Amino acid sequence: MTSSRTRTPKPGPVSAEIGDRVIALRSAGKSFSSIAQDVGVARSLEAFGLFVDALSSRSPAEQIKLRAEENKRLDGLERRLGRIEDPKSRERKLAAVKELRQRLAS
């Protein structure tokens, strides 16, 4: 019997074509969940990883621009998460956003 929640291996180096696609989709406002489906990875977190990996192949100026855009999106997510009434759930989700910011900055 196969589990519906199979672990997917971490993707290797991003091909330029996939990296371009991930960045284009994110810049167009697509969610990482939607991007994951589009590029054929199982989870939105994997799509985020592809995005971060693809950033490294961009010019320094474009990296700054793309990181600023993503941080702005994360700011909005943090505001929405701040309204969660359950403190444990809120803190867990805010901690996850903090980890995303750290990955984005690296």
C-alpha atoms as a PDB file:
ATOM      1  CA  MET A   1       0.000   0.000   0.000  1.00  0.00           C
ATOM      2  CA  THR A   2       1.379   3.395  -0.938  1.00  0.00           C
ATOM      3  CA  SER A   3       1.131   6.381   1.369  1.00  0.00           C
ATOM      4  CA  SER A   4      -0.517   9.482  -0.050  1.00  0.00           C
ATOM      5  CA  ARG A   5       2.182  11.552   1.685  1.00  0.00           C
ATOM      6  CA  THR A   6       5.356  10.274   0.099  1.00  0.00           C
ATOM      7  CA  ARG A   7       8.571  12.106   0.751  1.00  0.00           C
ATOM      8  CA  THR A   8      10.078  13.683  -2.309  1.00  0.00           C
ATOM      9  CA  PRO A   9      13.844  13.951  -2.571  1.00  0.00           C
ATOM     10  CA  LYS A  10      15.314  17.433  -2.495  1.00  0.00           C
ATOM     11  CA  PRO A  11      15.712  18.627  -6.061  1.00  0.00           C
ATOM     12  CA  GLY A  12      19.223  18.848  -7.453  1.00  0.00           C
ATOM     13  CA  PRO A  13      20.611  21.889  -9.189  1.00  0.00           C
ATOM     14  CA  VAL A  14      17.922  23.858 -10.947  1.00  0.00           C
ATOM     15  CA  SER A  15      18.022  23.826 -14.723  1.00  0.00           C
ATOM     16  CA  ALA A  16      18.033  27.309 -16.190  1.00  0.00           C
ATOM     17  CA  GLU A  17      14.703  26.600 -17.891  1.00  0.00           C
ATOM     18  CA  ILE A  18      12.967  25.519 -14.674  1.00  0.00           C
ATOM     19  CA  GLY A  19      14.550  28.382 -12.733  1.00  0.00           C
ATOM     20  CA  ASP A  20      13.336  30.886 -15.321  1.00  0.00           C
ATOM     21  CA  ARG A  21       9.850  29.382 -15.187  1.00  0.00           C
ATOM     22  CA  VAL A  22       9.680  29.430 -11.380  1.00  0.00           C
ATOM     23  CA  ILE A  23      10.814  33.051 -11.207  1.00  0.00           C
ATOM     24  CA  ALA A  24       8.444  34.114 -13.995  1.00  0.00           C
ATOM     25  CA  LEU A  25       5.481  32.420 -12.326  1.00  0.00           C
ATOM     26  CA  ARG A  26       6.291  33.888  -8.907  1.00  0.00           C
ATOM     27  CA  SER A  27       6.806  37.348 -10.384  1.00  0.00           C
ATOM     28  CA  ALA A  28       3.375  36.977 -11.993  1.00  0.00           C
ATOM     29  CA  GLY A  29       1.914  36.412  -8.517  1.00  0.00           C
ATOM     30  CA  LYS A  30       1.454  32.646  -8.617  1.00  0.00           C
ATOM     31  CA  SER A  31       1.540  30.778  -5.296  1.00  0.00           C
ATOM     32  CA  PHE A  32       4.300  28.299  -4.603  1.00  0.00           C
ATOM     33  CA  SER A  33       1.622  25.599  -4.507  1.00  0.00           C
ATOM     34  CA  SER A  34       0.585  26.492  -8.052  1.00  0.00           C
ATOM     35  CA  ILE A  35       4.234  26.710  -9.134  1.00  0.00           C
ATOM     36  CA  ALA A  36       4.916  23.262  -7.647  1.00  0.00           C
ATOM     37  CA  GLN A  37       2.141  21.762  -9.779  1.00  0.00           C
ATOM     38  CA  ASP A  38       3.360  23.608 -12.868  1.00  0.00           C
ATOM     39  CA  VAL A  39       6.990  22.458 -12.622  1.00  0.00           C
ATOM     40  CA  GLY A  40       6.227  18.970 -11.338  1.00  0.00           C
ATOM     41  CA  VAL A  41       7.341  18.971  -7.708  1.00  0.00           C
ATOM     42  CA  ALA A  42       5.226  17.605  -4.895  1.00  0.00           C
ATOM     43  CA  ARG A  43       5.191  20.454  -2.399  1.00  0.00           C
ATOM     44  CA  SER A  44       5.096  24.234  -2.288  1.00  0.00           C
ATOM     45  CA  LEU A  45       8.188  24.202  -0.055  1.00  0.00           C
ATOM     46  CA  GLU A  46      10.098  22.466  -2.848  1.00  0.00           C
ATOM     47  CA  ALA A  47       8.959  25.160  -5.280  1.00  0.00           C
ATOM     48  CA  PHE A  48      10.215  27.780  -2.817  1.00  0.00           C
ATOM     49  CA  GLY A  49      13.569  25.974  -2.776  1.00  0.00           C
ATOM     50  CA  LEU A  50      13.683  26.041  -6.579  1.00  0.00           C
ATOM     51  CA  PHE A  51      12.974  29.774  -6.448  1.00  0.00           C
ATOM     52  CA  VAL A  52      15.796  30.390  -3.965  1.00  0.00           C
ATOM     53  CA  ASP A  53      18.188  28.228  -6.016  1.00  0.00           C
ATOM     54  CA  ALA A  54      17.241  30.063  -9.217  1.00  0.00           C
ATOM     55  CA  LEU A  55      17.989  33.425  -7.588  1.00  0.00           C
ATOM     56  CA  SER A  56      21.689  32.586  -7.431  1.00  0.00           C
ATOM     57  CA  SER A  57      21.935  32.559 -11.227  1.00  0.00           C
ATOM     58  CA  ARG A  58      20.553  36.084 -11.516  1.00  0.00           C
ATOM     59  CA  SER A  59      22.494  39.341 -11.569  1.00  0.00           C
ATOM     60  CA  PRO A  60      23.073  40.996  -8.191  1.00  0.00           C
ATOM     61  CA  ALA A  61      20.592  43.756  -9.070  1.00  0.00           C
ATOM     62  CA  GLU A  62      17.889  41.247 -10.053  1.00  0.00           C
ATOM     63  CA  GLN A  63      18.535  39.192  -6.905  1.00  0.00           C
ATOM     64  CA  ILE A  64      17.956  42.300  -4.786  1.00  0.00           C
ATOM     65  CA  LYS A  65      14.737  43.100  -6.665  1.00  0.00           C
ATOM     66  CA  LEU A  66      13.365  39.540  -6.471  1.00  0.00           C
ATOM     67  CA  ARG A  67      14.252  39.155  -2.779  1.00  0.00           C
ATOM     68  CA  ALA A  68      12.568  42.478  -1.998  1.00  0.00           C
ATOM     69  CA  GLU A  69       9.414  41.387  -3.848  1.00  0.00           C
ATOM     70  CA  GLU A  70       9.344  38.066  -1.983  1.00  0.00           C
ATOM     71  CA  ASN A  71       9.970  39.735   1.377  1.00  0.00           C
ATOM     72  CA  LYS A  72       7.016  42.024   0.658  1.00  0.00           C
ATOM     73  CA  ARG A  73       4.840  38.942   0.075  1.00  0.00           C
ATOM     74  CA  LEU A  74       6.140  37.407   3.307  1.00  0.00           C
ATOM     75  CA  ASP A  75       5.295  40.662   5.135  1.00  0.00           C
ATOM     76  CA  GLY A  76       1.690  40.275   4.000  1.00  0.00           C
ATOM     77  CA  LEU A  77       1.621  36.635   5.038  1.00  0.00           C
ATOM     78  CA  GLU A  78       2.959  37.554   8.479  1.00  0.00           C
ATOM     79  CA  ARG A  79       0.221  40.169   8.891  1.00  0.00           C
ATOM     80  CA  ARG A  80      -2.440  37.603   8.016  1.00  0.00           C
ATOM     81  CA  LEU A  81      -0.911  34.985  10.308  1.00  0.00           C
ATOM     82  CA  GLY A  82      -0.790  37.496  13.143  1.00  0.00           C
ATOM     83  CA  ARG A  83      -4.593  37.367  13.235  1.00  0.00           C
ATOM     84  CA  ILE A  84      -4.709  33.652  14.064  1.00  0.00           C
ATOM     85  CA  GLU A  85      -6.316  33.364  17.478  1.00  0.00           C
ATOM     86  CA  ASP A  86      -4.655  30.132  18.616  1.00  0.00           C
ATOM     87  CA  PRO A  87      -1.243  31.219  19.978  1.00  0.00           C
ATOM     88  CA  LYS A  88       0.480  27.868  19.334  1.00  0.00           C
ATOM     89  CA  SER A  89      -0.683  27.723  15.739  1.00  0.00           C
ATOM     90  CA  ARG A  90       0.164  31.389  15.171  1.00  0.00           C
ATOM     91  CA  GLU A  91       3.695  31.053  16.599  1.00  0.00           C
ATOM     92  CA  ARG A  92       4.387  27.845  14.672  1.00  0.00           C
ATOM     93  CA  LYS A  93       3.356  29.456  11.401  1.00  0.00           C
ATOM     94  CA  LEU A  94       5.249  32.674  12.108  1.00  0.00           C
ATOM     95  CA  ALA A  95       8.356  30.591  12.881  1.00  0.00           C
ATOM     96  CA  ALA A  96       7.969  28.923   9.479  1.00  0.00           C
ATOM     97  CA  VAL A  97       7.858  32.335   7.793  1.00  0.00           C
ATOM     98  CA  LYS A  98      11.035  33.287   9.655  1.00  0.00           C
ATOM     99  CA  GLU A  99      12.726  30.173   8.256  1.00  0.00           C
ATOM    100  CA  LEU A 100      11.576  31.090   4.742  1.00  0.00           C
ATOM    101  CA  ARG A 101      13.092  34.542   5.160  1.00  0.00           C
ATOM    102  CA  GLN A 102      16.380  32.993   6.284  1.00  0.00           C
ATOM    103  CA  ARG A 103      16.457  30.709   3.245  1.00  0.00           C
ATOM    104  CA  LEU A 104      15.617  33.631   0.993  1.00  0.00           C
ATOM    105  CA  ALA A 105      18.461  35.724   2.416  1.00  0.00           C
ATOM    106  CA  SER A 106      21.094  33.013   1.977  1.00  0.00           C
END
